[in-house]
Amino acid sequence: MTPTMNAAVERVPKPWGHEMIFARTRKYVGKILVIEKGHRLSLQLHRRKHESLLVLRGRLKLRLGSNTRTVGPGTAFTIPPRTIHRFEALKGRVTLIEVSTPELWDVVRLQDDYGRRGK
């Protein structure tokens, strides 16, 4: 594989904010997630996808399994497959960096504020 610079960054609008996919290979995906104040992602799980995230900016209400806590910049966490999770920006915009396995299609929505269906 040839090294590249200035690879295209894909901006993906979401009802809660947006994602910026900056790396996509057969082995991993790198994304920046921006969650707008007062919004949250689906209560969800992934059957195969494994994620590692780092909070860059803001304070995030984080649900992992049956535990919920508020975390801030510098907090890193991992979400193994089949872990129920949700991210929420309570008091301001939140920016996260995510590195995951490449199964972006692998989302099982259990609850969704925007009427999107589970898979």
PDB file of N, CA and C in Angstrom:
ATOM      1  N   MET A   1       0.843  -1.181   0.000  1.00  0.00           N
ATOM      2  CA  MET A   1       0.000   0.000   0.000  1.00  0.00           C
ATOM      3  C   MET A   1       0.889   1.246   0.000  1.00  0.00           C
ATOM      4  N   THR A   2       0.566   2.185  -0.816  1.00  0.00           N
ATOM      5  CA  THR A   2       1.337   3.410  -0.945  1.00  0.00           C
ATOM      6  C   THR A   2       0.866   4.434   0.075  1.00  0.00           C
ATOM      7  N   PRO A   3       1.793   5.065   0.802  1.00  0.00           N
ATOM      8  CA  PRO A   3       1.379   6.127   1.728  1.00  0.00           C
ATOM      9  C   PRO A   3       0.694   7.256   0.971  1.00  0.00           C
ATOM     10  N   THR A   4      -0.325   7.866   1.585  1.00  0.00           N
ATOM     11  CA  THR A   4      -1.036   8.975   0.955  1.00  0.00           C
ATOM     12  C   THR A   4      -1.125  10.146   1.915  1.00  0.00           C
ATOM     13  N   MET A   5      -1.221  11.322   1.355  1.00  0.00           N
ATOM     14  CA  MET A   5      -1.463  12.531   2.138  1.00  0.00           C
ATOM     15  C   MET A   5      -2.699  13.197   1.559  1.00  0.00           C
ATOM     16  N   ASN A   6      -3.361  13.985   2.378  1.00  0.00           N
ATOM     17  CA  ASN A   6      -4.550  14.708   1.957  1.00  0.00           C
ATOM     18  C   ASN A   6      -5.640  13.783   1.435  1.00  0.00           C
ATOM     19  N   ALA A   7      -5.748  12.613   2.039  1.00  0.00           N
ATOM     20  CA  ALA A   7      -6.840  11.711   1.669  1.00  0.00           C
ATOM     21  C   ALA A   7      -8.163  12.405   1.969  1.00  0.00           C
ATOM     22  N   ALA A   8      -9.176  12.118   1.182  1.00  0.00           N
ATOM     23  CA  ALA A   8     -10.483  12.748   1.361  1.00  0.00           C
ATOM     24  C   ALA A   8     -11.076  12.368   2.715  1.00  0.00           C
ATOM     25  N   VAL A   9     -11.609  13.346   3.404  1.00  0.00           N
ATOM     26  CA  VAL A   9     -12.319  13.133   4.655  1.00  0.00           C
ATOM     27  C   VAL A   9     -13.799  13.164   4.322  1.00  0.00           C
ATOM     28  N   GLU A  10     -14.509  12.116   4.729  1.00  0.00           N
ATOM     29  CA  GLU A  10     -15.936  12.018   4.424  1.00  0.00           C
ATOM     30  C   GLU A  10     -16.750  12.560   5.594  1.00  0.00           C
ATOM     31  N   ARG A  11     -17.551  13.593   5.349  1.00  0.00           N
ATOM     32  CA  ARG A  11     -18.432  14.151   6.384  1.00  0.00           C
ATOM     33  C   ARG A  11     -19.788  13.491   6.240  1.00  0.00           C
ATOM     34  N   VAL A  12     -20.259  12.875   7.327  1.00  0.00           N
ATOM     35  CA  VAL A  12     -21.527  12.154   7.318  1.00  0.00           C
ATOM     36  C   VAL A  12     -22.490  12.856   8.279  1.00  0.00           C
ATOM     37  N   PRO A  13     -23.511  13.551   7.755  1.00  0.00           N
ATOM     38  CA  PRO A  13     -24.484  14.209   8.630  1.00  0.00           C
ATOM     39  C   PRO A  13     -25.290  13.178   9.422  1.00  0.00           C
ATOM     40  N   LYS A  14     -25.551  13.496  10.662  1.00  0.00           N
ATOM     41  CA  LYS A  14     -26.365  12.660  11.552  1.00  0.00           C
ATOM     42  C   LYS A  14     -27.384  13.562  12.224  1.00  0.00           C
ATOM     43  N   PRO A  15     -28.517  13.028  12.689  1.00  0.00           N
ATOM     44  CA  PRO A  15     -29.497  13.888  13.354  1.00  0.00           C
ATOM     45  C   PRO A  15     -28.981  14.477  14.666  1.00  0.00           C
ATOM     46  N   TRP A  16     -27.981  13.873  15.249  1.00  0.00           N
ATOM     47  CA  TRP A  16     -27.395  14.341  16.504  1.00  0.00           C
ATOM     48  C   TRP A  16     -26.159  15.215  16.302  1.00  0.00           C
ATOM     49  N   GLY A  17     -25.673  15.352  15.063  1.00  0.00           N
ATOM     50  CA  GLY A  17     -24.455  16.116  14.769  1.00  0.00           C
ATOM     51  C   GLY A  17     -23.862  15.615  13.470  1.00  0.00           C
ATOM     52  N   HIS A  18     -22.592  15.162  13.517  1.00  0.00           N
ATOM     53  CA  HIS A  18     -21.986  14.586  12.317  1.00  0.00           C
ATOM     54  C   HIS A  18     -20.761  13.743  12.667  1.00  0.00           C
ATOM     55  N   GLU A  19     -20.360  12.935  11.704  1.00  0.00           N
ATOM     56  CA  GLU A  19     -19.139  12.154  11.790  1.00  0.00           C
ATOM     57  C   GLU A  19     -18.220  12.600  10.661  1.00  0.00           C
ATOM     58  N   MET A  20     -16.926  12.529  10.907  1.00  0.00           N
ATOM     59  CA  MET A  20     -15.935  12.768   9.865  1.00  0.00           C
ATOM     60  C   MET A  20     -15.054  11.524   9.809  1.00  0.00           C
ATOM     61  N   ILE A  21     -15.183  10.778   8.716  1.00  0.00           N
ATOM     62  CA  ILE A  21     -14.401   9.551   8.549  1.00  0.00           C
ATOM     63  C   ILE A  21     -13.093   9.946   7.874  1.00  0.00           C
ATOM     64  N   PHE A  22     -11.994   9.785   8.619  1.00  0.00           N
ATOM     65  CA  PHE A  22     -10.694  10.190   8.090  1.00  0.00           C
ATOM     66  C   PHE A  22      -9.819   9.014   7.687  1.00  0.00           C
ATOM     67  N   ALA A  23     -10.232   7.796   8.037  1.00  0.00           N
ATOM     68  CA  ALA A  23      -9.483   6.597   7.641  1.00  0.00           C
ATOM     69  C   ALA A  23     -10.468   5.453   7.479  1.00  0.00           C
ATOM     70  N   ARG A  24     -10.325   4.707   6.374  1.00  0.00           N
ATOM     71  CA  ARG A  24     -11.187   3.546   6.155  1.00  0.00           C
ATOM     72  C   ARG A  24     -10.372   2.503   5.401  1.00  0.00           C
ATOM     73  N   THR A  25     -10.110   1.389   6.087  1.00  0.00           N
ATOM     74  CA  THR A  25      -9.370   0.287   5.470  1.00  0.00           C
ATOM     75  C   THR A  25     -10.140  -0.999   5.728  1.00  0.00           C
ATOM     76  N   ARG A  26      -9.625  -2.101   5.227  1.00  0.00           N
ATOM     77  CA  ARG A  26     -10.269  -3.392   5.494  1.00  0.00           C
ATOM     78  C   ARG A  26     -10.093  -3.814   6.943  1.00  0.00           C
ATOM     79  N   LYS A  27      -9.176  -3.198   7.675  1.00  0.00           N
ATOM     80  CA  LYS A  27      -8.898  -3.603   9.054  1.00  0.00           C
ATOM     81  C   LYS A  27      -9.403  -2.635  10.119  1.00  0.00           C
ATOM     82  N   TYR A  28      -9.537  -1.348   9.779  1.00  0.00           N
ATOM     83  CA  TYR A  28      -9.958  -0.370  10.780  1.00  0.00           C
ATOM     84  C   TYR A  28     -10.584   0.845  10.116  1.00  0.00           C
ATOM     85  N   VAL A  29     -11.301   1.636  10.956  1.00  0.00           N
ATOM     86  CA  VAL A  29     -11.896   2.907  10.544  1.00  0.00           C
ATOM     87  C   VAL A  29     -11.563   3.935  11.621  1.00  0.00           C
ATOM     88  N   GLY A  30     -11.221   5.149  11.192  1.00  0.00           N
ATOM     89  CA  GLY A  30     -11.002   6.256  12.115  1.00  0.00           C
ATOM     90  C   GLY A  30     -12.028   7.339  11.862  1.00  0.00           C
ATOM     91  N   LYS A  31     -12.680   7.823  12.933  1.00  0.00           N
ATOM     92  CA  LYS A  31     -13.732   8.832  12.796  1.00  0.00           C
ATOM     93  C   LYS A  31     -13.602   9.875  13.897  1.00  0.00           C
ATOM     94  N   ILE A  32     -14.107  11.063  13.592  1.00  0.00           N
ATOM     95  CA  ILE A  32     -14.346  12.079  14.609  1.00  0.00           C
ATOM     96  C   ILE A  32     -15.859  12.230  14.692  1.00  0.00           C
ATOM     97  N   LEU A  33     -16.406  12.130  15.894  1.00  0.00           N
ATOM     98  CA  LEU A  33     -17.839  12.298  16.113  1.00  0.00           C
ATOM     99  C   LEU A  33     -18.057  13.636  16.798  1.00  0.00           C
ATOM    100  N   VAL A  34     -19.012  14.416  16.303  1.00  0.00           N
ATOM    101  CA  VAL A  34     -19.394  15.681  16.916  1.00  0.00           C
ATOM    102  C   VAL A  34     -20.867  15.563  17.286  1.00  0.00           C
ATOM    103  N   ILE A  35     -21.137  15.614  18.585  1.00  0.00           N
ATOM    104  CA  ILE A  35     -22.504  15.501  19.101  1.00  0.00           C
ATOM    105  C   ILE A  35     -22.923  16.886  19.587  1.00  0.00           C
ATOM    106  N   GLU A  36     -23.998  17.408  19.040  1.00  0.00           N
ATOM    107  CA  GLU A  36     -24.453  18.750  19.401  1.00  0.00           C
ATOM    108  C   GLU A  36     -25.160  18.745  20.763  1.00  0.00           C
ATOM    109  N   LYS A  37     -25.106  19.883  21.437  1.00  0.00           N
ATOM    110  CA  LYS A  37     -25.710  20.066  22.753  1.00  0.00           C
ATOM    111  C   LYS A  37     -27.161  19.584  22.755  1.00  0.00           C
ATOM    112  N   GLY A  38     -27.508  18.789  23.766  1.00  0.00           N
ATOM    113  CA  GLY A  38     -28.874  18.310  23.938  1.00  0.00           C
ATOM    114  C   GLY A  38     -29.230  17.098  23.098  1.00  0.00           C
ATOM    115  N   HIS A  39     -28.279  16.563  22.355  1.00  0.00           N
ATOM    116  CA  HIS A  39     -28.543  15.413  21.492  1.00  0.00           C
ATOM    117  C   HIS A  39     -27.818  14.175  22.007  1.00  0.00           C
ATOM    118  N   ARG A  40     -28.321  13.027  21.549  1.00  0.00           N
ATOM    119  CA  ARG A  40     -27.688  11.761  21.913  1.00  0.00           C
ATOM    120  C   ARG A  40     -27.820  10.765  20.778  1.00  0.00           C
ATOM    121  N   LEU A  41     -26.905   9.821  20.773  1.00  0.00           N
ATOM    122  CA  LEU A  41     -26.941   8.739  19.799  1.00  0.00           C
ATOM    123  C   LEU A  41     -27.974   7.713  20.242  1.00  0.00           C
ATOM    124  N   SER A  42     -28.268   6.778  19.379  1.00  0.00           N
ATOM    125  CA  SER A  42     -29.169   5.673  19.715  1.00  0.00           C
ATOM    126  C   SER A  42     -28.617   4.895  20.893  1.00  0.00           C
ATOM    127  N   LEU A  43     -29.531   4.305  21.660  1.00  0.00           N
ATOM    128  CA  LEU A  43     -29.130   3.244  22.577  1.00  0.00           C
ATOM    129  C   LEU A  43     -28.904   2.052  21.659  1.00  0.00           C
ATOM    130  N   GLN A  44     -27.686   1.540  21.629  1.00  0.00           N
ATOM    131  CA  GLN A  44     -27.325   0.592  20.584  1.00  0.00           C
ATOM    132  C   GLN A  44     -26.312  -0.430  21.056  1.00  0.00           C
ATOM    133  N   LEU A  45     -26.095  -1.405  20.187  1.00  0.00           N
ATOM    134  CA  LEU A  45     -25.004  -2.352  20.344  1.00  0.00           C
ATOM    135  C   LEU A  45     -24.540  -2.756  18.961  1.00  0.00           C
ATOM    136  N   HIS A  46     -23.386  -3.378  18.910  1.00  0.00           N
ATOM    137  CA  HIS A  46     -22.825  -3.895  17.667  1.00  0.00           C
ATOM    138  C   HIS A  46     -22.569  -5.378  17.861  1.00  0.00           C
ATOM    139  N   ARG A  47     -22.931  -6.175  16.887  1.00  0.00           N
ATOM    140  CA  ARG A  47     -22.690  -7.621  16.979  1.00  0.00           C
ATOM    141  C   ARG A  47     -21.226  -7.963  16.762  1.00  0.00           C
ATOM    142  N   ARG A  48     -20.550  -7.221  15.844  1.00  0.00           N
ATOM    143  CA  ARG A  48     -19.157  -7.526  15.502  1.00  0.00           C
ATOM    144  C   ARG A  48     -18.198  -6.368  15.754  1.00  0.00           C
ATOM    145  N   LYS A  49     -18.679  -5.159  15.565  1.00  0.00           N
ATOM    146  CA  LYS A  49     -17.816  -3.977  15.630  1.00  0.00           C
ATOM    147  C   LYS A  49     -17.253  -3.770  17.034  1.00  0.00           C
ATOM    148  N   HIS A  50     -15.966  -3.482  17.103  1.00  0.00           N
ATOM    149  CA  HIS A  50     -15.255  -3.199  18.349  1.00  0.00           C
ATOM    150  C   HIS A  50     -14.738  -1.774  18.246  1.00  0.00           C
ATOM    151  N   GLU A  51     -15.014  -0.931  19.245  1.00  0.00           N
ATOM    152  CA  GLU A  51     -14.673   0.486  19.191  1.00  0.00           C
ATOM    153  C   GLU A  51     -13.787   0.899  20.360  1.00  0.00           C
ATOM    154  N   SER A  52     -12.893   1.835  20.101  1.00  0.00           N
ATOM    155  CA  SER A  52     -12.124   2.525  21.139  1.00  0.00           C
ATOM    156  C   SER A  52     -12.301   4.014  20.882  1.00  0.00           C
ATOM    157  N   LEU A  53     -12.608   4.775  21.935  1.00  0.00           N
ATOM    158  CA  LEU A  53     -12.904   6.197  21.785  1.00  0.00           C
ATOM    159  C   LEU A  53     -12.132   7.034  22.790  1.00  0.00           C
ATOM    160  N   LEU A  54     -11.948   8.304  22.441  1.00  0.00           N
ATOM    161  CA  LEU A  54     -11.299   9.278  23.298  1.00  0.00           C
ATOM    162  C   LEU A  54     -12.113  10.568  23.239  1.00  0.00           C
ATOM    163  N   VAL A  55     -12.464  11.120  24.401  1.00  0.00           N
ATOM    164  CA  VAL A  55     -13.174  12.396  24.453  1.00  0.00           C
ATOM    165  C   VAL A  55     -12.140  13.506  24.232  1.00  0.00           C
ATOM    166  N   LEU A  56     -12.341  14.284  23.170  1.00  0.00           N
ATOM    167  CA  LEU A  56     -11.442  15.402  22.881  1.00  0.00           C
ATOM    168  C   LEU A  56     -11.921  16.696  23.520  1.00  0.00           C
ATOM    169  N   ARG A  57     -13.244  16.977  23.417  1.00  0.00           N
ATOM    170  CA  ARG A  57     -13.818  18.214  23.942  1.00  0.00           C
ATOM    171  C   ARG A  57     -15.206  17.940  24.501  1.00  0.00           C
ATOM    172  N   GLY A  58     -15.568  18.704  25.520  1.00  0.00           N
ATOM    173  CA  GLY A  58     -16.915  18.639  26.077  1.00  0.00           C
ATOM    174  C   GLY A  58     -17.062  17.589  27.155  1.00  0.00           C
ATOM    175  N   ARG A  59     -18.274  17.555  27.708  1.00  0.00           N
ATOM    176  CA  ARG A  59     -18.598  16.577  28.752  1.00  0.00           C
ATOM    177  C   ARG A  59     -19.682  15.669  28.187  1.00  0.00           C
ATOM    178  N   LEU A  60     -19.451  14.379  28.333  1.00  0.00           N
ATOM    179  CA  LEU A  60     -20.271  13.350  27.708  1.00  0.00           C
ATOM    180  C   LEU A  60     -20.948  12.500  28.769  1.00  0.00           C
ATOM    181  N   LYS A  61     -22.267  12.326  28.638  1.00  0.00           N
ATOM    182  CA  LYS A  61     -22.957  11.327  29.451  1.00  0.00           C
ATOM    183  C   LYS A  61     -22.783  10.011  28.710  1.00  0.00           C
ATOM    184  N   LEU A  62     -22.124   9.084  29.335  1.00  0.00           N
ATOM    185  CA  LEU A  62     -21.726   7.825  28.717  1.00  0.00           C
ATOM    186  C   LEU A  62     -22.432   6.666  29.398  1.00  0.00           C
ATOM    187  N   ARG A  63     -23.149   5.891  28.611  1.00  0.00           N
ATOM    188  CA  ARG A  63     -23.724   4.647  29.125  1.00  0.00           C
ATOM    189  C   ARG A  63     -22.972   3.495  28.481  1.00  0.00           C
ATOM    190  N   LEU A  64     -22.420   2.627  29.317  1.00  0.00           N
ATOM    191  CA  LEU A  64     -21.758   1.397  28.881  1.00  0.00           C
ATOM    192  C   LEU A  64     -22.352   0.260  29.689  1.00  0.00           C
ATOM    193  N   GLY A  65     -23.075  -0.621  29.027  1.00  0.00           N
ATOM    194  CA  GLY A  65     -23.759  -1.698  29.737  1.00  0.00           C
ATOM    195  C   GLY A  65     -24.785  -1.102  30.675  1.00  0.00           C
ATOM    196  N   SER A  66     -24.744  -1.472  31.953  1.00  0.00           N
ATOM    197  CA  SER A  66     -25.702  -0.957  32.932  1.00  0.00           C
ATOM    198  C   SER A  66     -25.144   0.236  33.714  1.00  0.00           C
ATOM    199  N   ASN A  67     -23.939   0.696  33.370  1.00  0.00           N
ATOM    200  CA  ASN A  67     -23.304   1.814  34.066  1.00  0.00           C
ATOM    201  C   ASN A  67     -23.412   3.097  33.256  1.00  0.00           C
ATOM    202  N   THR A  68     -23.742   4.202  33.948  1.00  0.00           N
ATOM    203  CA  THR A  68     -23.802   5.516  33.318  1.00  0.00           C
ATOM    204  C   THR A  68     -22.968   6.472  34.157  1.00  0.00           C
ATOM    205  N   ARG A  69     -22.146   7.286  33.452  1.00  0.00           N
ATOM    206  CA  ARG A  69     -21.355   8.299  34.150  1.00  0.00           C
ATOM    207  C   ARG A  69     -21.065   9.445  33.201  1.00  0.00           C
ATOM    208  N   THR A  70     -20.637  10.560  33.751  1.00  0.00           N
ATOM    209  CA  THR A  70     -20.257  11.714  32.954  1.00  0.00           C
ATOM    210  C   THR A  70     -18.737  11.740  32.867  1.00  0.00           C
ATOM    211  N   VAL A  71     -18.226  11.922  31.646  1.00  0.00           N
ATOM    212  CA  VAL A  71     -16.784  11.932  31.420  1.00  0.00           C
ATOM    213  C   VAL A  71     -16.412  13.164  30.604  1.00  0.00           C
ATOM    214  N   GLY A  72     -15.138  13.552  30.684  1.00  0.00           N
ATOM    215  CA  GLY A  72     -14.678  14.736  29.978  1.00  0.00           C
ATOM    216  C   GLY A  72     -13.439  14.482  29.158  1.00  0.00           C
ATOM    217  N   PRO A  73     -12.824  15.552  28.676  1.00  0.00           N
ATOM    218  CA  PRO A  73     -11.653  15.448  27.811  1.00  0.00           C
ATOM    219  C   PRO A  73     -10.555  14.584  28.429  1.00  0.00           C
ATOM    220  N   GLY A  74      -9.950  13.763  27.588  1.00  0.00           N
ATOM    221  CA  GLY A  74      -8.888  12.871  28.032  1.00  0.00           C
ATOM    222  C   GLY A  74      -9.369  11.502  28.461  1.00  0.00           C
ATOM    223  N   THR A  75     -10.680  11.319  28.571  1.00  0.00           N
ATOM    224  CA  THR A  75     -11.220  10.014  28.955  1.00  0.00           C
ATOM    225  C   THR A  75     -11.254   9.100  27.745  1.00  0.00           C
ATOM    226  N   ALA A  76     -10.660   7.921  27.881  1.00  0.00           N
ATOM    227  CA  ALA A  76     -10.673   6.913  26.820  1.00  0.00           C
ATOM    228  C   ALA A  76     -11.469   5.708  27.305  1.00  0.00           C
ATOM    229  N   PHE A  77     -12.165   5.061  26.374  1.00  0.00           N
ATOM    230  CA  PHE A  77     -12.925   3.867  26.735  1.00  0.00           C
ATOM    231  C   PHE A  77     -13.053   2.966  25.516  1.00  0.00           C
ATOM    232  N   THR A  78     -13.311   1.697  25.795  1.00  0.00           N
ATOM    233  CA  THR A  78     -13.437   0.682  24.761  1.00  0.00           C
ATOM    234  C   THR A  78     -14.814   0.058  24.852  1.00  0.00           C
ATOM    235  N   ILE A  79     -15.397  -0.237  23.683  1.00  0.00           N
ATOM    236  CA  ILE A  79     -16.721  -0.857  23.619  1.00  0.00           C
ATOM    237  C   ILE A  79     -16.592  -2.167  22.852  1.00  0.00           C
ATOM    238  N   PRO A  80     -16.514  -3.284  23.563  1.00  0.00           N
ATOM    239  CA  PRO A  80     -16.458  -4.580  22.882  1.00  0.00           C
ATOM    240  C   PRO A  80     -17.795  -4.903  22.208  1.00  0.00           C
ATOM    241  N   PRO A  81     -17.790  -5.812  21.236  1.00  0.00           N
ATOM    242  CA  PRO A  81     -19.057  -6.224  20.610  1.00  0.00           C
ATOM    243  C   PRO A  81     -20.083  -6.660  21.656  1.00  0.00           C
ATOM    244  N   ARG A  82     -21.346  -6.402  21.327  1.00  0.00           N
ATOM    245  CA  ARG A  82     -22.517  -6.777  22.137  1.00  0.00           C
ATOM    246  C   ARG A  82     -22.665  -5.977  23.430  1.00  0.00           C
ATOM    247  N   THR A  83     -21.933  -4.873  23.570  1.00  0.00           N
ATOM    248  CA  THR A  83     -22.068  -3.995  24.731  1.00  0.00           C
ATOM    249  C   THR A  83     -23.086  -2.908  24.403  1.00  0.00           C
ATOM    250  N   ILE A  84     -24.146  -2.808  25.192  1.00  0.00           N
ATOM    251  CA  ILE A  84     -25.138  -1.749  25.012  1.00  0.00           C
ATOM    252  C   ILE A  84     -24.485  -0.430  25.415  1.00  0.00           C
ATOM    253  N   HIS A  85     -24.664   0.598  24.566  1.00  0.00           N
ATOM    254  CA  HIS A  85     -24.038   1.881  24.857  1.00  0.00           C
ATOM    255  C   HIS A  85     -24.817   3.043  24.253  1.00  0.00           C
ATOM    256  N   ARG A  86     -24.546   4.239  24.802  1.00  0.00           N
ATOM    257  CA  ARG A  86     -25.156   5.478  24.306  1.00  0.00           C
ATOM    258  C   ARG A  86     -24.279   6.643  24.747  1.00  0.00           C
ATOM    259  N   PHE A  87     -24.158   7.657  23.875  1.00  0.00           N
ATOM    260  CA  PHE A  87     -23.426   8.884  24.172  1.00  0.00           C
ATOM    261  C   PHE A  87     -24.410  10.041  24.121  1.00  0.00           C
ATOM    262  N   GLU A  88     -24.268  10.998  25.067  1.00  0.00           N
ATOM    263  CA  GLU A  88     -25.177  12.140  25.116  1.00  0.00           C
ATOM    264  C   GLU A  88     -24.410  13.408  25.472  1.00  0.00           C
ATOM    265  N   ALA A  89     -24.660  14.485  24.731  1.00  0.00           N
ATOM    266  CA  ALA A  89     -24.060  15.794  24.997  1.00  0.00           C
ATOM    267  C   ALA A  89     -25.059  16.622  25.787  1.00  0.00           C
ATOM    268  N   LEU A  90     -24.875  16.702  27.085  1.00  0.00           N
ATOM    269  CA  LEU A  90     -25.858  17.356  27.940  1.00  0.00           C
ATOM    270  C   LEU A  90     -25.774  18.878  27.914  1.00  0.00           C
ATOM    271  N   LYS A  91     -24.568  19.443  28.088  1.00  0.00           N
ATOM    272  CA  LYS A  91     -24.437  20.882  28.315  1.00  0.00           C
ATOM    273  C   LYS A  91     -23.685  21.623  27.224  1.00  0.00           C
ATOM    274  N   GLY A  92     -23.257  20.948  26.206  1.00  0.00           N
ATOM    275  CA  GLY A  92     -22.527  21.596  25.124  1.00  0.00           C
ATOM    276  C   GLY A  92     -22.083  20.562  24.114  1.00  0.00           C
ATOM    277  N   ARG A  93     -21.505  21.034  23.027  1.00  0.00           N
ATOM    278  CA  ARG A  93     -21.011  20.149  21.969  1.00  0.00           C
ATOM    279  C   ARG A  93     -19.912  19.234  22.514  1.00  0.00           C
ATOM    280  N   VAL A  94     -19.940  17.983  22.066  1.00  0.00           N
ATOM    281  CA  VAL A  94     -18.934  16.980  22.447  1.00  0.00           C
ATOM    282  C   VAL A  94     -18.233  16.501  21.183  1.00  0.00           C
ATOM    283  N   THR A  95     -16.907  16.392  21.261  1.00  0.00           N
ATOM    284  CA  THR A  95     -16.119  15.861  20.153  1.00  0.00           C
ATOM    285  C   THR A  95     -15.354  14.641  20.631  1.00  0.00           C
ATOM    286  N   LEU A  96     -15.509  13.540  19.889  1.00  0.00           N
ATOM    287  CA  LEU A  96     -14.847  12.271  20.215  1.00  0.00           C
ATOM    288  C   LEU A  96     -14.030  11.819  19.019  1.00  0.00           C
ATOM    289  N   ILE A  97     -12.978  11.081  19.284  1.00  0.00           N
ATOM    290  CA  ILE A  97     -12.282  10.385  18.213  1.00  0.00           C
ATOM    291  C   ILE A  97     -12.545   8.895  18.423  1.00  0.00           C
ATOM    292  N   GLU A  98     -12.844   8.204  17.338  1.00  0.00           N
ATOM    293  CA  GLU A  98     -13.169   6.773  17.400  1.00  0.00           C
ATOM    294  C   GLU A  98     -12.289   6.012  16.417  1.00  0.00           C
ATOM    295  N   VAL A  99     -11.750   4.909  16.887  1.00  0.00           N
ATOM    296  CA  VAL A  99     -11.062   3.943  16.038  1.00  0.00           C
ATOM    297  C   VAL A  99     -11.775   2.623  16.252  1.00  0.00           C
ATOM    298  N   SER A 100     -12.157   1.966  15.146  1.00  0.00           N
ATOM    299  CA  SER A 100     -12.947   0.744  15.281  1.00  0.00           C
ATOM    300  C   SER A 100     -12.590  -0.254  14.194  1.00  0.00           C
ATOM    301  N   THR A 101     -13.116  -1.446  14.368  1.00  0.00           N
ATOM    302  CA  THR A 101     -13.086  -2.410  13.286  1.00  0.00           C
ATOM    303  C   THR A 101     -14.000  -1.853  12.186  1.00  0.00           C
ATOM    304  N   PRO A 102     -13.916  -2.356  10.957  1.00  0.00           N
ATOM    305  CA  PRO A 102     -14.542  -1.673   9.822  1.00  0.00           C
ATOM    306  C   PRO A 102     -16.043  -1.892   9.605  1.00  0.00           C
ATOM    307  N   GLU A 103     -16.734  -2.551  10.480  1.00  0.00           N
ATOM    308  CA  GLU A 103     -18.147  -2.896  10.248  1.00  0.00           C
ATOM    309  C   GLU A 103     -19.080  -1.717  10.554  1.00  0.00           C
ATOM    310  N   LEU A 104     -19.036  -0.671   9.745  1.00  0.00           N
ATOM    311  CA  LEU A 104     -19.862   0.513   9.985  1.00  0.00           C
ATOM    312  C   LEU A 104     -21.355   0.220   9.866  1.00  0.00           C
ATOM    313  N   TRP A 105     -21.739  -0.790   9.149  1.00  0.00           N
ATOM    314  CA  TRP A 105     -23.141  -1.178   8.958  1.00  0.00           C
ATOM    315  C   TRP A 105     -23.717  -1.886  10.191  1.00  0.00           C
ATOM    316  N   ASP A 106     -22.866  -2.295  11.120  1.00  0.00           N
ATOM    317  CA  ASP A 106     -23.257  -3.136  12.252  1.00  0.00           C
ATOM    318  C   ASP A 106     -23.789  -2.294  13.415  1.00  0.00           C
ATOM    319  N   VAL A 107     -25.037  -1.829  13.298  1.00  0.00           N
ATOM    320  CA  VAL A 107     -25.681  -1.047  14.360  1.00  0.00           C
ATOM    321  C   VAL A 107     -27.028  -1.678  14.666  1.00  0.00           C
ATOM    322  N   VAL A 108     -27.221  -2.090  15.905  1.00  0.00           N
ATOM    323  CA  VAL A 108     -28.514  -2.587  16.366  1.00  0.00           C
ATOM    324  C   VAL A 108     -29.073  -1.521  17.296  1.00  0.00           C
ATOM    325  N   ARG A 109     -30.078  -0.782  16.812  1.00  0.00           N
ATOM    326  CA  ARG A 109     -30.675   0.290  17.609  1.00  0.00           C
ATOM    327  C   ARG A 109     -31.758  -0.288  18.520  1.00  0.00           C
ATOM    328  N   LEU A 110     -31.631  -0.015  19.816  1.00  0.00           N
ATOM    329  CA  LEU A 110     -32.610  -0.467  20.798  1.00  0.00           C
ATOM    330  C   LEU A 110     -33.621   0.641  21.102  1.00  0.00           C
ATOM    331  N   GLN A 111     -33.148   1.898  21.079  1.00  0.00           N
ATOM    332  CA  GLN A 111     -34.000   3.091  21.219  1.00  0.00           C
ATOM    333  C   GLN A 111     -33.372   4.188  20.377  1.00  0.00           C
ATOM    334  N   ASP A 112     -34.203   5.062  19.805  1.00  0.00           N
ATOM    335  CA  ASP A 112     -33.667   6.131  18.993  1.00  0.00           C
ATOM    336  C   ASP A 112     -34.586   7.353  19.069  1.00  0.00           C
ATOM    337  N   ASP A 113     -34.020   8.504  19.372  1.00  0.00           N
ATOM    338  CA  ASP A 113     -34.792   9.733  19.503  1.00  0.00           C
ATOM    339  C   ASP A 113     -35.263  10.285  18.160  1.00  0.00           C
ATOM    340  N   TYR A 114     -34.728   9.769  17.055  1.00  0.00           N
ATOM    341  CA  TYR A 114     -34.981  10.341  15.749  1.00  0.00           C
ATOM    342  C   TYR A 114     -35.802   9.428  14.844  1.00  0.00           C
ATOM    343  N   GLY A 115     -36.363   8.359  15.404  1.00  0.00           N
ATOM    344  CA  GLY A 115     -37.236   7.481  14.651  1.00  0.00           C
ATOM    345  C   GLY A 115     -36.534   6.511  13.715  1.00  0.00           C
ATOM    346  N   ARG A 116     -35.211   6.389  13.863  1.00  0.00           N
ATOM    347  CA  ARG A 116     -34.504   5.423  13.008  1.00  0.00           C
ATOM    348  C   ARG A 116     -34.745   4.015  13.536  1.00  0.00           C
ATOM    349  N   ARG A 117     -34.847   3.084  12.657  1.00  0.00           N
ATOM    350  CA  ARG A 117     -35.145   1.696  13.007  1.00  0.00           C
ATOM    351  C   ARG A 117     -33.887   0.908  13.336  1.00  0.00           C
ATOM    352  N   GLY A 118     -34.031  -0.094  14.194  1.00  0.00           N
ATOM    353  CA  GLY A 118     -32.942  -1.011  14.491  1.00  0.00           C
ATOM    354  C   GLY A 118     -32.755  -1.999  13.358  1.00  0.00           C
ATOM    355  N   LYS A 119     -31.627  -2.652  13.360  1.00  0.00           N
ATOM    356  CA  LYS A 119     -31.355  -3.662  12.328  1.00  0.00           C
ATOM    357  C   LYS A 119     -31.535  -5.038  12.907  1.00  0.00           C
TER     358      LYS A 119
END
